Amino acid sequence: MRDLRQRYELKDRGQTAIEYLGILAVVAAIILVLLTTDFGTAISNAITDQIEKVTGGAE
């Protein structure tokens, strides 16, 4: 049992640089889509509308 645990611990020791690069690529793609399409504007407007509802409107 001890040998199995030691092999597992040596094999998986955290994320690799490739995994971090993949996460960064996905985040960059999402940001690019939000900045270059009307979808980002629609989200911003929806958030602003909801904040105004909560706070009682624009001042």
N, C-alpha and C. Protein backbone atom coordinates (compact mmCIF):
# COMPACT_ATOMS: atom_id res chain seq x y z
N MET A 1 0.83 -1.20 0.00
CA MET A 1 0.00 0.00 0.00
C MET A 1 0.87 1.25 0.00
N ARG A 2 1.94 1.21 0.72
CA ARG A 2 2.82 2.37 0.82
C ARG A 2 3.48 2.70 -0.53
N ASP A 3 3.88 1.66 -1.27
CA ASP A 3 4.50 1.88 -2.57
C ASP A 3 3.53 2.54 -3.55
N LEU A 4 2.28 2.13 -3.52
CA LEU A 4 1.27 2.70 -4.40
C LEU A 4 1.08 4.19 -4.11
N ARG A 5 1.02 4.54 -2.85
CA ARG A 5 0.86 5.93 -2.47
C ARG A 5 2.08 6.76 -2.87
N GLN A 6 3.26 6.22 -2.71
CA GLN A 6 4.47 6.94 -3.08
C GLN A 6 4.53 7.16 -4.59
N ARG A 7 4.13 6.16 -5.37
CA ARG A 7 4.13 6.33 -6.82
C ARG A 7 3.14 7.40 -7.24
N TYR A 8 1.99 7.42 -6.62
CA TYR A 8 0.97 8.43 -6.96
C TYR A 8 1.46 9.82 -6.60
N GLU A 9 2.06 9.97 -5.45
CA GLU A 9 2.54 11.28 -5.00
C GLU A 9 3.66 11.80 -5.90
N LEU A 10 4.50 10.93 -6.39
CA LEU A 10 5.58 11.35 -7.27
C LEU A 10 5.07 11.69 -8.67
N LYS A 11 4.01 11.02 -9.09
CA LYS A 11 3.49 11.20 -10.43
C LYS A 11 2.74 12.53 -10.58
N ASP A 12 1.87 12.85 -9.65
CA ASP A 12 1.07 14.07 -9.73
C ASP A 12 1.51 15.05 -8.66
N ARG A 13 2.13 16.10 -9.09
CA ARG A 13 2.61 17.10 -8.14
C ARG A 13 2.11 18.49 -8.45
N GLY A 14 0.98 18.62 -9.11
CA GLY A 14 0.45 19.94 -9.40
C GLY A 14 0.33 20.20 -10.89
N GLN A 15 -0.08 21.41 -11.20
CA GLN A 15 -0.30 21.78 -12.58
C GLN A 15 1.03 22.00 -13.30
N THR A 16 1.02 21.68 -14.57
CA THR A 16 2.20 21.93 -15.38
C THR A 16 2.04 23.26 -16.10
N ALA A 17 3.12 23.70 -16.70
CA ALA A 17 3.09 24.97 -17.43
C ALA A 17 2.09 24.91 -18.58
N ILE A 18 1.94 23.76 -19.20
CA ILE A 18 0.99 23.61 -20.31
C ILE A 18 -0.44 23.83 -19.82
N GLU A 19 -0.77 23.32 -18.65
CA GLU A 19 -2.11 23.51 -18.10
C GLU A 19 -2.36 24.98 -17.79
N TYR A 20 -1.40 25.66 -17.21
CA TYR A 20 -1.55 27.09 -16.95
C TYR A 20 -1.68 27.87 -18.26
N LEU A 21 -0.92 27.51 -19.27
CA LEU A 21 -1.01 28.17 -20.57
C LEU A 21 -2.39 27.97 -21.17
N GLY A 22 -2.97 26.78 -21.01
CA GLY A 22 -4.32 26.53 -21.51
C GLY A 22 -5.35 27.41 -20.82
N ILE A 23 -5.24 27.55 -19.52
CA ILE A 23 -6.16 28.41 -18.77
C ILE A 23 -6.02 29.86 -19.23
N LEU A 24 -4.80 30.33 -19.39
CA LEU A 24 -4.58 31.70 -19.85
C LEU A 24 -5.15 31.91 -21.25
N ALA A 25 -5.02 30.91 -22.11
CA ALA A 25 -5.56 31.04 -23.47
C ALA A 25 -7.09 31.15 -23.44
N VAL A 26 -7.74 30.37 -22.60
CA VAL A 26 -9.20 30.43 -22.49
C VAL A 26 -9.64 31.79 -21.95
N VAL A 27 -8.98 32.28 -20.92
CA VAL A 27 -9.33 33.58 -20.34
C VAL A 27 -9.11 34.68 -21.37
N ALA A 28 -8.00 34.62 -22.10
CA ALA A 28 -7.73 35.63 -23.12
C ALA A 28 -8.79 35.59 -24.22
N ALA A 29 -9.22 34.41 -24.61
CA ALA A 29 -10.25 34.29 -25.64
C ALA A 29 -11.57 34.87 -25.17
N ILE A 30 -11.94 34.62 -23.93
CA ILE A 30 -13.18 35.17 -23.38
C ILE A 30 -13.12 36.70 -23.35
N ILE A 31 -12.00 37.24 -22.88
CA ILE A 31 -11.85 38.70 -22.82
C ILE A 31 -11.90 39.30 -24.22
N LEU A 32 -11.25 38.66 -25.18
CA LEU A 32 -11.26 39.15 -26.55
C LEU A 32 -12.67 39.17 -27.13
N VAL A 33 -13.44 38.13 -26.87
CA VAL A 33 -14.82 38.08 -27.37
C VAL A 33 -15.65 39.18 -26.72
N LEU A 34 -15.50 39.37 -25.43
CA LEU A 34 -16.28 40.40 -24.73
C LEU A 34 -15.92 41.81 -25.19
N LEU A 35 -14.67 42.04 -25.54
CA LEU A 35 -14.25 43.37 -25.95
C LEU A 35 -14.57 43.69 -27.41
N THR A 36 -14.66 42.66 -28.24
CA THR A 36 -14.80 42.91 -29.67
C THR A 36 -16.20 42.65 -30.21
N THR A 37 -17.13 42.28 -29.37
CA THR A 37 -18.49 42.03 -29.83
C THR A 37 -19.48 42.87 -29.03
N ASP A 38 -20.70 42.88 -29.49
CA ASP A 38 -21.77 43.57 -28.75
C ASP A 38 -22.19 42.81 -27.51
N PHE A 39 -21.75 41.57 -27.40
CA PHE A 39 -22.11 40.75 -26.26
C PHE A 39 -21.56 41.36 -24.97
N GLY A 40 -20.33 41.87 -25.01
CA GLY A 40 -19.74 42.52 -23.84
C GLY A 40 -20.51 43.75 -23.44
N THR A 41 -20.96 44.52 -24.41
CA THR A 41 -21.75 45.71 -24.14
C THR A 41 -23.10 45.34 -23.54
N ALA A 42 -23.70 44.28 -24.07
CA ALA A 42 -24.99 43.83 -23.55
C ALA A 42 -24.87 43.40 -22.09
N ILE A 43 -23.80 42.70 -21.76
CA ILE A 43 -23.59 42.27 -20.37
C ILE A 43 -23.40 43.49 -19.47
N SER A 44 -22.59 44.44 -19.93
CA SER A 44 -22.34 45.65 -19.15
C SER A 44 -23.64 46.43 -18.91
N ASN A 45 -24.45 46.56 -19.94
CA ASN A 45 -25.72 47.27 -19.80
C ASN A 45 -26.67 46.55 -18.85
N ALA A 46 -26.70 45.23 -18.93
CA ALA A 46 -27.58 44.46 -18.06
C ALA A 46 -27.16 44.61 -16.60
N ILE A 47 -25.86 44.57 -16.34
CA ILE A 47 -25.36 44.75 -14.97
C ILE A 47 -25.70 46.15 -14.47
N THR A 48 -25.48 47.14 -15.31
CA THR A 48 -25.78 48.52 -14.92
C THR A 48 -27.27 48.69 -14.61
N ASP A 49 -28.12 48.11 -15.44
CA ASP A 49 -29.57 48.18 -15.20
C ASP A 49 -29.96 47.56 -13.86
N GLN A 50 -29.37 46.42 -13.55
CA GLN A 50 -29.69 45.75 -12.29
C GLN A 50 -29.18 46.56 -11.09
N ILE A 51 -28.02 47.17 -11.23
CA ILE A 51 -27.50 48.01 -10.14
C ILE A 51 -28.41 49.20 -9.92
N GLU A 52 -28.89 49.79 -11.01
CA GLU A 52 -29.79 50.93 -10.87
C GLU A 52 -31.10 50.54 -10.21
N LYS A 53 -31.58 49.33 -10.50
CA LYS A 53 -32.80 48.85 -9.85
C LYS A 53 -32.61 48.71 -8.34
N VAL A 54 -31.45 48.21 -7.95
CA VAL A 54 -31.16 48.00 -6.53
C VAL A 54 -30.95 49.33 -5.81
N THR A 55 -30.27 50.26 -6.46
CA THR A 55 -29.94 51.52 -5.79
C THR A 55 -31.01 52.58 -5.97
N GLY A 56 -32.03 52.31 -6.74
CA GLY A 56 -33.10 53.27 -6.90
C GLY A 56 -32.97 54.16 -8.12
N GLY A 57 -32.13 53.80 -9.06
CA GLY A 57 -32.02 54.56 -10.29
C GLY A 57 -30.77 55.39 -10.36
N ALA A 58 -30.51 55.90 -11.55
CA ALA A 58 -29.33 56.73 -11.78
C ALA A 58 -29.53 58.10 -11.15
N GLU A 59 -28.47 58.64 -10.60
CA GLU A 59 -28.56 59.95 -9.97
C GLU A 59 -27.87 60.98 -10.80
